[in-house]
C-alpha cells in the first residue's frame, strides 16, 4: 500500500509543479489595424488572434523573438510592439523586424 501511495505522489508532484508554471505572454501591436487577419492565423505553430491592432498568440516553436517577429511581419505587416514568450523587442529590434 505504501509503495502504491509513493508511486502516486511521484507521478502527481511534477504535474502539479507544471500546472503552476506561468506562461510567458506573446503579443504584438500592428501599425495598421486594417491588416489584422479576420480569423486565427497560425505562424510557426503559434496561433495568433487579433482584436483591432492588438494581437495575442499561444503556442509556437522555440525560436528567437526577432525571428518570430519577422515571420509575423511577413504575414500581418509592420508592428509597433512585439513580445514573444516574454521577450520584448527594443525599438532598434522592432525597426530591424519591420525592415
Protein backbone atom coordinates (compact mmCIF):
# COMPACT_ATOMS: atom_id res chain seq x y z
CA UNK A 1 0.00 0.00 0.00
CA UNK A 2 2.80 2.42 0.89
CA UNK A 3 4.56 1.67 -2.41
CA UNK A 4 1.37 2.45 -4.32
CA UNK A 5 0.90 5.73 -2.45
CA UNK A 6 4.55 6.69 -3.00
CA UNK A 7 4.24 5.95 -6.73
CA UNK A 8 1.08 8.07 -6.99
CA UNK A 9 2.81 11.02 -5.28
CA UNK A 10 5.88 10.61 -7.50
CA UNK A 11 3.72 10.93 -10.63
CA UNK A 12 1.46 13.71 -9.32
CA UNK A 13 4.17 16.04 -7.97
CA UNK A 14 5.72 17.03 -11.35
CA UNK A 15 2.27 17.53 -12.89
CA UNK A 16 1.29 19.89 -10.08
CA UNK A 17 4.54 21.84 -10.48
CA UNK A 18 3.99 22.21 -14.23
CA UNK A 19 0.43 23.40 -13.72
CA UNK A 20 1.72 26.33 -11.64
CA UNK A 21 4.35 27.47 -14.18
CA UNK A 22 3.26 30.84 -15.62
CA UNK A 23 3.01 31.12 -19.39
CA UNK A 24 5.02 34.00 -20.86
CA UNK A 25 2.99 36.46 -22.90
CA UNK A 26 3.18 36.63 -26.67
CA UNK A 27 1.64 39.71 -28.22
CA UNK A 28 2.05 42.46 -30.77
CA UNK A 29 0.53 45.73 -31.85
CA UNK A 30 0.04 46.23 -35.58
CA UNK A 31 0.94 49.56 -37.15
CA UNK A 32 -2.23 49.30 -39.27
CA UNK A 33 -5.25 47.60 -37.68
CA UNK A 34 -6.78 47.15 -41.15
CA UNK A 35 -4.12 44.50 -41.85
CA UNK A 36 -5.23 42.32 -38.93
CA UNK A 37 -6.43 38.91 -40.04
CA UNK A 38 -10.16 38.31 -39.64
CA UNK A 39 -9.63 34.87 -38.09
CA UNK A 40 -6.98 32.96 -36.19
CA UNK A 41 -3.73 32.56 -38.11
CA UNK A 42 -1.03 30.00 -37.33
CA UNK A 43 2.58 31.03 -37.87
CA UNK A 44 5.37 28.64 -36.83
CA UNK A 45 2.96 26.80 -34.56
CA UNK A 46 1.75 29.94 -32.77
CA UNK A 47 -1.98 30.63 -33.05
CA UNK A 48 -2.46 34.40 -33.48
CA UNK A 49 -5.79 36.12 -32.76
CA UNK A 50 -6.29 39.83 -33.34
CA UNK A 51 -8.78 42.34 -31.98
CA UNK A 52 -8.14 45.51 -33.93
CA UNK A 53 -4.41 46.26 -33.86
CA UNK A 54 -3.81 44.15 -30.71
CA UNK A 55 -2.88 40.53 -31.36
CA UNK A 56 -2.02 37.71 -28.97
CA UNK A 57 -0.70 34.21 -29.55
CA UNK A 58 -0.49 30.89 -27.81
CA UNK A 59 1.93 28.09 -28.51
CA UNK A 60 4.66 28.29 -31.09
CA UNK A 61 8.01 26.76 -31.82
CA UNK A 62 11.11 27.70 -29.86
CA UNK A 63 12.91 30.45 -31.76
CA UNK A 64 14.46 33.86 -31.11
CA UNK A 65 11.91 36.65 -30.65
CA UNK A 66 13.44 38.65 -33.53
CA UNK A 67 12.88 35.76 -35.95
CA UNK A 68 9.32 35.25 -34.73
CA UNK A 69 8.70 38.97 -35.29
CA UNK A 70 10.00 38.85 -38.87
CA UNK A 71 7.80 35.83 -39.64
CA UNK A 72 4.69 37.63 -38.32
CA UNK A 73 5.52 40.89 -40.13
CA UNK A 74 5.72 38.93 -43.40
CA UNK A 75 2.07 37.95 -42.95
CA UNK A 76 0.50 40.85 -40.98
CA UNK A 77 2.58 43.89 -41.90
CA UNK A 78 4.61 46.27 -39.69
CA UNK A 79 4.31 46.21 -35.91
CA UNK A 80 4.82 48.91 -33.29
CA UNK A 81 5.34 46.48 -30.38
CA UNK A 82 6.29 42.79 -30.20
CA UNK A 83 6.73 40.42 -27.26
CA UNK A 84 7.42 36.72 -27.89
CA UNK A 85 7.16 34.31 -24.98
CA UNK A 86 8.02 37.09 -22.57
CA UNK A 87 10.89 38.63 -24.60
CA UNK A 88 10.02 42.22 -25.56
CA UNK A 89 11.79 43.67 -28.60
CA UNK A 90 13.56 47.02 -28.26
CA UNK A 91 12.95 49.95 -30.63
CA UNK A 92 16.04 49.00 -32.66
CA UNK A 93 14.94 45.37 -32.88
CA UNK A 94 11.44 46.47 -33.98
CA UNK A 95 12.96 48.64 -36.72
CA UNK A 96 15.00 45.66 -37.96
CA UNK A 97 11.93 43.43 -37.77
CA UNK A 98 9.85 45.84 -39.87
CA UNK A 99 12.62 46.40 -42.47
